[in-house]
Amino acid sequence: MSFVRRLPPLRSMAVICALGSSVLLVTGCTNADTTRSSVAEAAQTTPATNTASPTDTSTASPTGTSTGTTSPSPSETSTDDRSERQALVPLAKVTWDKAADTAVEEVPEGKLVDLELKRTSAEATASTGSPSPSTPNPAPSQGAPQWEAKVATSDGTVHRIDIDAVSGEVFRTRAENQDADDKQQIADLLKKATQTPEQAVKAATDKAKGTVTHVELDENDDQKAIWSVDVVSTDNWNKTTVDVDATNGKILREHVDRD
């Protein structure tokens, strides 16, 4: 008996092929969607790469140097003091010796121990009210030049006198807050200092030409009484500090500040 393999009808074969194609299409679409979804998720979770520093807003100039708003290095800010000297010194119309004479007149039997040119503070300008022995004249505006002087009596008591460096008027006087050791130290320095501030300044300005902005009676590391004198050159605005022996007028040290 011969066997004849019966083939499925053509319509059934078409249905089967159609179903198979659908399965393949669905599988392909699913894989494509999955791939696109994975890419999108990766794009959302992977941070963007940026090689620029967040604080560096500089740009390269045609010459290859860097320009912009990067934070200045210490070497770039080192000229701030010199710029301040250049701005402040020309504003002062009263010289150091005139300011010293004015300060000493405020304290009977007193001697100058410190005198410095600086800008008037906001605290000084805040003093208001009627004139009084402690505030005889209005303070200059904030930032204006003033001479801050300290005059001591023989027992070491120090009085501070603030002088307008433009008009020469005293606008504030007051006694410093000192303890017994502070007073004794000042009294001892006054006894040692046989050289006057005028003599010390002459010795200093013979070495360094310029405008005197600070004179201070002090003690160095060798326990010697000295006059420390700051002289600012109006040529380059460097400051030279000259230490003068307060007992014999000899120059002990000279230092140039170019910052």
C-alpha atoms as a PDB file:
ATOM      1  CA  MET A   1       0.000   0.000   0.000  1.00  0.00           C
ATOM      2  CA  SER A   2       1.483   3.231  -0.996  1.00  0.00           C
ATOM      3  CA  PHE A   3       1.387   6.213   1.312  1.00  0.00           C
ATOM      4  CA  VAL A   4       0.792   9.609  -0.105  1.00  0.00           C
ATOM      5  CA  ARG A   5       1.825  12.573   2.195  1.00  0.00           C
ATOM      6  CA  ARG A   6      -1.013  14.933   2.433  1.00  0.00           C
ATOM      7  CA  LEU A   7       0.032  18.571   2.186  1.00  0.00           C
ATOM      8  CA  PRO A   8      -1.878  21.194   4.084  1.00  0.00           C
ATOM      9  CA  PRO A   9      -4.159  23.366   2.053  1.00  0.00           C
ATOM     10  CA  LEU A  10      -2.572  26.492   0.530  1.00  0.00           C
ATOM     11  CA  ARG A  11      -4.811  28.764   2.589  1.00  0.00           C
ATOM     12  CA  SER A  12      -3.494  27.263   5.809  1.00  0.00           C
ATOM     13  CA  MET A  13       0.036  27.710   4.617  1.00  0.00           C
ATOM     14  CA  ALA A  14      -0.621  31.386   3.937  1.00  0.00           C
ATOM     15  CA  VAL A  15      -2.038  31.869   7.418  1.00  0.00           C
ATOM     16  CA  ILE A  16       0.957  30.177   8.973  1.00  0.00           C
ATOM     17  CA  CYS A  17       3.369  32.340   6.968  1.00  0.00           C
ATOM     18  CA  ALA A  18       1.468  35.466   7.916  1.00  0.00           C
ATOM     19  CA  LEU A  19       1.575  34.579  11.605  1.00  0.00           C
ATOM     20  CA  GLY A  20       5.280  33.850  11.391  1.00  0.00           C
ATOM     21  CA  SER A  21       5.964  37.199   9.725  1.00  0.00           C
ATOM     22  CA  SER A  22       3.929  39.001  12.385  1.00  0.00           C
ATOM     23  CA  VAL A  23       5.915  37.381  15.172  1.00  0.00           C
ATOM     24  CA  LEU A  24       9.188  38.378  13.501  1.00  0.00           C
ATOM     25  CA  LEU A  25       7.946  41.930  12.951  1.00  0.00           C
ATOM     26  CA  VAL A  26       6.786  42.320  16.550  1.00  0.00           C
ATOM     27  CA  THR A  27      10.068  40.921  17.821  1.00  0.00           C
ATOM     28  CA  GLY A  28      12.041  43.284  15.570  1.00  0.00           C
ATOM     29  CA  CYS A  29      10.005  46.329  16.642  1.00  0.00           C
ATOM     30  CA  THR A  30      10.316  45.347  20.294  1.00  0.00           C
ATOM     31  CA  ASN A  31      14.097  45.048  19.970  1.00  0.00           C
ATOM     32  CA  ALA A  32      14.286  48.421  18.193  1.00  0.00           C
ATOM     33  CA  ASP A  33      12.163  50.118  20.846  1.00  0.00           C
ATOM     34  CA  THR A  34      14.248  48.564  23.593  1.00  0.00           C
ATOM     35  CA  THR A  35      17.438  49.785  21.925  1.00  0.00           C
ATOM     36  CA  ARG A  36      16.079  53.340  21.516  1.00  0.00           C
ATOM     37  CA  SER A  37      14.890  53.363  25.132  1.00  0.00           C
ATOM     38  CA  SER A  38      18.309  52.249  26.373  1.00  0.00           C
ATOM     39  CA  VAL A  39      20.027  54.984  24.380  1.00  0.00           C
ATOM     40  CA  ALA A  40      17.647  57.619  25.731  1.00  0.00           C
ATOM     41  CA  GLU A  41      18.185  56.465  29.311  1.00  0.00           C
ATOM     42  CA  ALA A  42      21.940  56.522  28.801  1.00  0.00           C
ATOM     43  CA  ALA A  43      21.736  60.070  27.454  1.00  0.00           C
ATOM     44  CA  GLN A  44      19.770  61.180  30.500  1.00  0.00           C
ATOM     45  CA  THR A  45      21.999  59.519  33.095  1.00  0.00           C
ATOM     46  CA  THR A  46      25.412  60.247  31.564  1.00  0.00           C
ATOM     47  CA  PRO A  47      26.633  63.776  32.509  1.00  0.00           C
ATOM     48  CA  ALA A  48      27.921  66.004  29.762  1.00  0.00           C
ATOM     49  CA  THR A  49      31.671  66.217  29.604  1.00  0.00           C
ATOM     50  CA  ASN A  50      33.106  69.739  29.929  1.00  0.00           C
ATOM     51  CA  THR A  51      36.829  70.218  29.994  1.00  0.00           C
ATOM     52  CA  ALA A  52      36.698  73.873  31.013  1.00  0.00           C
ATOM     53  CA  SER A  53      37.240  74.731  34.669  1.00  0.00           C
ATOM     54  CA  PRO A  54      34.049  76.125  36.286  1.00  0.00           C
ATOM     55  CA  THR A  55      35.972  79.076  37.723  1.00  0.00           C
ATOM     56  CA  ASP A  56      38.090  79.821  34.697  1.00  0.00           C
ATOM     57  CA  THR A  57      36.423  82.309  32.368  1.00  0.00           C
ATOM     58  CA  SER A  58      39.596  83.331  30.605  1.00  0.00           C
ATOM     59  CA  THR A  59      40.135  83.177  26.864  1.00  0.00           C
ATOM     60  CA  ALA A  60      43.295  82.941  24.865  1.00  0.00           C
ATOM     61  CA  SER A  61      44.408  86.095  23.125  1.00  0.00           C
ATOM     62  CA  PRO A  62      46.000  86.098  19.664  1.00  0.00           C
ATOM     63  CA  THR A  63      49.429  86.302  21.247  1.00  0.00           C
ATOM     64  CA  GLY A  64      48.842  83.163  23.289  1.00  0.00           C
ATOM     65  CA  THR A  65      48.427  84.885  26.656  1.00  0.00           C
ATOM     66  CA  SER A  66      45.392  84.360  28.822  1.00  0.00           C
ATOM     67  CA  THR A  67      42.821  87.107  29.241  1.00  0.00           C
ATOM     68  CA  GLY A  68      39.570  87.206  31.147  1.00  0.00           C
ATOM     69  CA  THR A  69      38.321  87.198  34.732  1.00  0.00           C
ATOM     70  CA  THR A  70      40.346  84.453  36.362  1.00  0.00           C
ATOM     71  CA  SER A  71      41.102  84.956  40.063  1.00  0.00           C
ATOM     72  CA  PRO A  72      44.320  86.951  40.453  1.00  0.00           C
ATOM     73  CA  SER A  73      47.332  85.193  41.866  1.00  0.00           C
ATOM     74  CA  PRO A  74      49.219  86.626  44.881  1.00  0.00           C
ATOM     75  CA  SER A  75      51.820  88.065  42.513  1.00  0.00           C
ATOM     76  CA  GLU A  76      49.082  89.931  40.636  1.00  0.00           C
ATOM     77  CA  THR A  77      47.736  91.527  43.816  1.00  0.00           C
ATOM     78  CA  SER A  78      51.136  92.350  45.263  1.00  0.00           C
ATOM     79  CA  THR A  79      51.031  95.897  43.874  1.00  0.00           C
ATOM     80  CA  ASP A  80      47.912  96.847  45.858  1.00  0.00           C
ATOM     81  CA  ASP A  81      49.971  98.511  48.631  1.00  0.00           C
ATOM     82  CA  ARG A  82      51.989 100.507  46.138  1.00  0.00           C
ATOM     83  CA  SER A  83      48.807 101.628  44.369  1.00  0.00           C
ATOM     84  CA  GLU A  84      47.379 102.721  47.708  1.00  0.00           C
ATOM     85  CA  ARG A  85      50.492 104.746  48.470  1.00  0.00           C
ATOM     86  CA  GLN A  86      50.274 106.370  45.055  1.00  0.00           C
ATOM     87  CA  ALA A  87      46.642 107.306  45.717  1.00  0.00           C
ATOM     88  CA  LEU A  88      47.009 108.443  49.342  1.00  0.00           C
ATOM     89  CA  VAL A  89      50.296 110.323  49.633  1.00  0.00           C
ATOM     90  CA  PRO A  90      49.475 113.135  47.173  1.00  0.00           C
ATOM     91  CA  LEU A  91      46.219 113.836  49.049  1.00  0.00           C
ATOM     92  CA  ALA A  92      48.032 114.805  52.256  1.00  0.00           C
ATOM     93  CA  LYS A  93      48.771 118.530  52.371  1.00  0.00           C
ATOM     94  CA  VAL A  94      50.141 118.495  55.925  1.00  0.00           C
ATOM     95  CA  THR A  95      53.679 117.141  56.245  1.00  0.00           C
ATOM     96  CA  TRP A  96      54.730 114.782  58.997  1.00  0.00           C
ATOM     97  CA  ASP A  97      56.621 117.453  60.993  1.00  0.00           C
ATOM     98  CA  LYS A  98      53.658 119.842  61.004  1.00  0.00           C
ATOM     99  CA  ALA A  99      51.408 117.021  62.155  1.00  0.00           C
ATOM    100  CA  ALA A 100      53.925 116.080  64.857  1.00  0.00           C
ATOM    101  CA  ASP A 101      54.032 119.650  66.195  1.00  0.00           C
ATOM    102  CA  THR A 102      50.238 119.795  66.267  1.00  0.00           C
ATOM    103  CA  ALA A 103      49.998 116.501  68.128  1.00  0.00           C
ATOM    104  CA  VAL A 104      52.570 117.394  70.775  1.00  0.00           C
ATOM    105  CA  GLU A 105      50.783 120.669  71.486  1.00  0.00           C
ATOM    106  CA  GLU A 106      47.744 118.649  72.543  1.00  0.00           C
ATOM    107  CA  VAL A 107      49.593 116.881  75.376  1.00  0.00           C
ATOM    108  CA  PRO A 108      51.542 119.073  77.827  1.00  0.00           C
ATOM    109  CA  GLU A 109      54.976 117.584  78.570  1.00  0.00           C
ATOM    110  CA  GLY A 110      54.298 114.895  75.983  1.00  0.00           C
ATOM    111  CA  LYS A 111      56.648 113.407  73.375  1.00  0.00           C
ATOM    112  CA  LEU A 112      55.810 111.889  70.010  1.00  0.00           C
ATOM    113  CA  VAL A 113      56.091 108.099  69.918  1.00  0.00           C
ATOM    114  CA  ASP A 114      54.117 107.278  66.758  1.00  0.00           C
ATOM    115  CA  LEU A 115      52.765 109.120  63.730  1.00  0.00           C
ATOM    116  CA  GLU A 116      51.242 107.484  60.648  1.00  0.00           C
ATOM    117  CA  LEU A 117      49.506 108.670  57.506  1.00  0.00           C
ATOM    118  CA  LYS A 118      46.381 106.630  56.807  1.00  0.00           C
ATOM    119  CA  ARG A 119      42.801 106.906  55.613  1.00  0.00           C
ATOM    120  CA  THR A 120      40.027 108.086  57.923  1.00  0.00           C
ATOM    121  CA  SER A 121      37.906 105.181  59.115  1.00  0.00           C
ATOM    122  CA  ALA A 122      34.122 104.942  59.087  1.00  0.00           C
ATOM    123  CA  GLU A 123      34.213 104.760  62.880  1.00  0.00           C
ATOM    124  CA  ALA A 124      35.881 108.173  63.064  1.00  0.00           C
ATOM    125  CA  THR A 125      33.356 109.817  60.761  1.00  0.00           C
ATOM    126  CA  ALA A 126      30.484 108.352  62.795  1.00  0.00           C
ATOM    127  CA  SER A 127      31.310 110.685  65.699  1.00  0.00           C
ATOM    128  CA  THR A 128      28.719 113.455  65.646  1.00  0.00           C
ATOM    129  CA  GLY A 129      27.454 116.092  67.998  1.00  0.00           C
ATOM    130  CA  SER A 130      28.624 119.378  69.408  1.00  0.00           C
ATOM    131  CA  PRO A 131      32.341 120.151  69.578  1.00  0.00           C
ATOM    132  CA  SER A 132      34.024 118.918  72.740  1.00  0.00           C
ATOM    133  CA  PRO A 133      37.593 118.573  74.059  1.00  0.00           C
ATOM    134  CA  SER A 134      37.697 115.044  72.615  1.00  0.00           C
ATOM    135  CA  THR A 135      36.142 116.024  69.242  1.00  0.00           C
ATOM    136  CA  PRO A 136      37.019 119.685  68.674  1.00  0.00           C
ATOM    137  CA  ASN A 137      36.423 119.638  64.903  1.00  0.00           C
ATOM    138  CA  PRO A 138      34.394 117.574  62.414  1.00  0.00           C
ATOM    139  CA  ALA A 139      36.145 114.480  61.126  1.00  0.00           C
ATOM    140  CA  PRO A 140      37.128 114.361  57.466  1.00  0.00           C
ATOM    141  CA  SER A 141      35.071 112.159  55.177  1.00  0.00           C
ATOM    142  CA  GLN A 142      35.653 108.427  55.210  1.00  0.00           C
ATOM    143  CA  GLY A 143      38.755 107.522  53.223  1.00  0.00           C
ATOM    144  CA  ALA A 144      40.242 111.005  53.396  1.00  0.00           C
ATOM    145  CA  PRO A 145      43.870 111.264  54.574  1.00  0.00           C
ATOM    146  CA  GLN A 146      44.605 111.711  58.252  1.00  0.00           C
ATOM    147  CA  TRP A 147      47.608 111.619  60.543  1.00  0.00           C
ATOM    148  CA  GLU A 148      47.144 109.270  63.484  1.00  0.00           C
ATOM    149  CA  ALA A 149      49.542 110.454  66.195  1.00  0.00           C
ATOM    150  CA  LYS A 150      50.448 109.017  69.594  1.00  0.00           C
ATOM    151  CA  VAL A 151      52.031 111.222  72.215  1.00  0.00           C
ATOM    152  CA  ALA A 152      53.264 109.864  75.556  1.00  0.00           C
ATOM    153  CA  THR A 153      54.019 111.485  78.877  1.00  0.00           C
ATOM    154  CA  SER A 154      57.038 110.487  80.983  1.00  0.00           C
ATOM    155  CA  ASP A 155      55.052 107.877  82.932  1.00  0.00           C
ATOM    156  CA  GLY A 156      54.194 106.065  79.680  1.00  0.00           C
ATOM    157  CA  THR A 157      50.603 107.246  79.315  1.00  0.00           C
ATOM    158  CA  VAL A 158      49.785 107.452  75.616  1.00  0.00           C
ATOM    159  CA  HIS A 159      47.306 109.880  74.060  1.00  0.00           C
ATOM    160  CA  ARG A 160      46.036 109.434  70.516  1.00  0.00           C
ATOM    161  CA  ILE A 161      45.475 112.513  68.407  1.00  0.00           C
ATOM    162  CA  ASP A 162      43.780 112.315  64.992  1.00  0.00           C
ATOM    163  CA  ILE A 163      44.662 115.141  62.617  1.00  0.00           C
ATOM    164  CA  ASP A 164      43.074 116.037  59.292  1.00  0.00           C
ATOM    165  CA  ALA A 165      45.938 115.666  56.812  1.00  0.00           C
ATOM    166  CA  VAL A 166      44.431 118.313  54.521  1.00  0.00           C
ATOM    167  CA  SER A 167      43.420 121.089  56.917  1.00  0.00           C
ATOM    168  CA  GLY A 168      45.797 120.274  59.771  1.00  0.00           C
ATOM    169  CA  GLU A 169      42.997 120.442  62.356  1.00  0.00           C
ATOM    170  CA  VAL A 170      42.679 118.026  65.248  1.00  0.00           C
ATOM    171  CA  PHE A 171      39.348 116.220  65.060  1.00  0.00           C
ATOM    172  CA  ARG A 172      39.689 113.709  67.888  1.00  0.00           C
ATOM    173  CA  THR A 173      41.802 113.102  70.989  1.00  0.00           C
ATOM    174  CA  ARG A 174      41.629 110.312  73.536  1.00  0.00           C
ATOM    175  CA  ALA A 175      43.757 108.370  75.999  1.00  0.00           C
ATOM    176  CA  GLU A 176      44.824 104.882  74.947  1.00  0.00           C
ATOM    177  CA  ASN A 177      43.693 101.829  76.893  1.00  0.00           C
ATOM    178  CA  GLN A 178      46.887 100.609  78.625  1.00  0.00           C
ATOM    179  CA  ASP A 179      47.854  98.340  81.471  1.00  0.00           C
ATOM    180  CA  ALA A 180      50.795  98.912  83.839  1.00  0.00           C
ATOM    181  CA  ASP A 181      53.209  96.862  81.684  1.00  0.00           C
ATOM    182  CA  ASP A 182      52.332  98.838  78.563  1.00  0.00           C
ATOM    183  CA  LYS A 183      52.973 102.138  80.327  1.00  0.00           C
ATOM    184  CA  GLN A 184      56.265 100.916  81.747  1.00  0.00           C
ATOM    185  CA  GLN A 185      57.474  99.775  78.335  1.00  0.00           C
ATOM    186  CA  ILE A 186      56.738 103.187  76.810  1.00  0.00           C
ATOM    187  CA  ALA A 187      58.357 104.984  79.751  1.00  0.00           C
ATOM    188  CA  ASP A 188      61.519 102.892  79.344  1.00  0.00           C
ATOM    189  CA  LEU A 189      61.685 103.616  75.609  1.00  0.00           C
ATOM    190  CA  LEU A 190      61.334 107.340  76.218  1.00  0.00           C
ATOM    191  CA  LYS A 191      64.275 107.231  78.645  1.00  0.00           C
ATOM    192  CA  LYS A 192      66.458 105.398  76.117  1.00  0.00           C
ATOM    193  CA  ALA A 193      65.563 107.594  73.141  1.00  0.00           C
ATOM    194  CA  THR A 194      68.052 110.451  73.216  1.00  0.00           C
ATOM    195  CA  GLN A 195      67.525 111.048  69.488  1.00  0.00           C
ATOM    196  CA  THR A 196      64.480 113.124  68.577  1.00  0.00           C
ATOM    197  CA  PRO A 197      62.082 112.056  65.831  1.00  0.00           C
ATOM    198  CA  GLU A 198      63.366 114.990  63.760  1.00  0.00           C
ATOM    199  CA  GLN A 199      66.927 113.696  64.002  1.00  0.00           C
ATOM    200  CA  ALA A 200      65.839 110.181  63.100  1.00  0.00           C
ATOM    201  CA  VAL A 201      63.880 111.386  60.085  1.00  0.00           C
ATOM    202  CA  LYS A 202      66.860 113.389  58.846  1.00  0.00           C
ATOM    203  CA  ALA A 203      69.074 110.316  59.058  1.00  0.00           C
ATOM    204  CA  ALA A 204      66.452 108.238  57.234  1.00  0.00           C
ATOM    205  CA  THR A 205      65.804 110.748  54.441  1.00  0.00           C
ATOM    206  CA  ASP A 206      69.535 111.165  53.890  1.00  0.00           C
ATOM    207  CA  LYS A 207      69.479 107.492  52.853  1.00  0.00           C
ATOM    208  CA  ALA A 208      66.074 107.345  51.137  1.00  0.00           C
ATOM    209  CA  LYS A 209      64.553 110.326  49.360  1.00  0.00           C
ATOM    210  CA  GLY A 210      60.801 110.806  49.437  1.00  0.00           C
ATOM    211  CA  THR A 211      57.804 111.591  51.621  1.00  0.00           C
ATOM    212  CA  VAL A 212      57.749 110.481  55.260  1.00  0.00           C
ATOM    213  CA  THR A 213      54.547 108.551  56.008  1.00  0.00           C
ATOM    214  CA  HIS A 214      55.335 106.845  59.347  1.00  0.00           C
ATOM    215  CA  VAL A 215      57.578 107.526  62.326  1.00  0.00           C
ATOM    216  CA  GLU A 216      57.527 105.159  65.302  1.00  0.00           C
ATOM    217  CA  LEU A 217      59.554 104.696  68.456  1.00  0.00           C
ATOM    218  CA  ASP A 218      60.006 100.964  68.889  1.00  0.00           C
ATOM    219  CA  GLU A 219      62.340  98.216  70.042  1.00  0.00           C
ATOM    220  CA  ASN A 220      64.116  95.811  67.684  1.00  0.00           C
ATOM    221  CA  ASP A 221      64.992  92.148  68.178  1.00  0.00           C
ATOM    222  CA  ASP A 222      68.203  93.135  69.956  1.00  0.00           C
ATOM    223  CA  GLN A 223      66.190  95.082  72.535  1.00  0.00           C
ATOM    224  CA  LYS A 224      67.538  98.357  71.191  1.00  0.00           C
ATOM    225  CA  ALA A 225      65.365 101.442  71.109  1.00  0.00           C
ATOM    226  CA  ILE A 226      64.915 102.510  67.494  1.00  0.00           C
ATOM    227  CA  TRP A 227      63.078 105.025  65.405  1.00  0.00           C
ATOM    228  CA  SER A 228      61.447 103.224  62.465  1.00  0.00           C
ATOM    229  CA  VAL A 229      60.866 105.657  59.598  1.00  0.00           C
ATOM    230  CA  ASP A 230      58.889 104.933  56.402  1.00  0.00           C
ATOM    231  CA  VAL A 231      59.823 106.981  53.336  1.00  0.00           C
ATOM    232  CA  VAL A 232      57.778 106.716  50.127  1.00  0.00           C
ATOM    233  CA  SER A 233      59.425 107.553  46.833  1.00  0.00           C
ATOM    234  CA  THR A 234      57.181 109.576  44.522  1.00  0.00           C
ATOM    235  CA  ASP A 235      59.174 108.299  41.544  1.00  0.00           C
ATOM    236  CA  ASN A 236      58.193 104.636  41.817  1.00  0.00           C
ATOM    237  CA  TRP A 237      55.999 104.602  44.967  1.00  0.00           C
ATOM    238  CA  ASN A 238      58.231 102.077  46.723  1.00  0.00           C
ATOM    239  CA  LYS A 239      58.401 102.361  50.504  1.00  0.00           C
ATOM    240  CA  THR A 240      61.738 102.281  52.293  1.00  0.00           C
ATOM    241  CA  THR A 241      61.762 101.521  56.013  1.00  0.00           C
ATOM    242  CA  VAL A 242      64.841 102.794  57.800  1.00  0.00           C
ATOM    243  CA  ASP A 243      65.575 101.749  61.393  1.00  0.00           C
ATOM    244  CA  VAL A 244      67.608 104.370  63.217  1.00  0.00           C
ATOM    245  CA  ASP A 245      69.264 103.744  66.579  1.00  0.00           C
ATOM    246  CA  ALA A 246      67.354 105.995  68.978  1.00  0.00           C
ATOM    247  CA  THR A 247      70.419 106.425  71.187  1.00  0.00           C
ATOM    248  CA  ASN A 248      73.068 107.502  68.669  1.00  0.00           C
ATOM    249  CA  GLY A 249      71.366 108.093  65.299  1.00  0.00           C
ATOM    250  CA  LYS A 250      73.136 105.285  63.441  1.00  0.00           C
ATOM    251  CA  ILE A 251      71.220 103.430  60.762  1.00  0.00           C
ATOM    252  CA  LEU A 252      70.717  99.809  61.764  1.00  0.00           C
ATOM    253  CA  ARG A 253      68.547  98.497  58.936  1.00  0.00           C
ATOM    254  CA  GLU A 254      67.133  99.533  55.587  1.00  0.00           C
ATOM    255  CA  HIS A 255      64.363  97.654  53.788  1.00  0.00           C
ATOM    256  CA  VAL A 256      62.696  98.520  50.474  1.00  0.00           C
ATOM    257  CA  ASP A 257      59.088  97.425  49.981  1.00  0.00           C
ATOM    258  CA  ARG A 258      58.253  97.250  46.263  1.00  0.00           C
ATOM    259  CA  ASP A 259      54.831  95.664  46.750  1.00  0.00           C
END
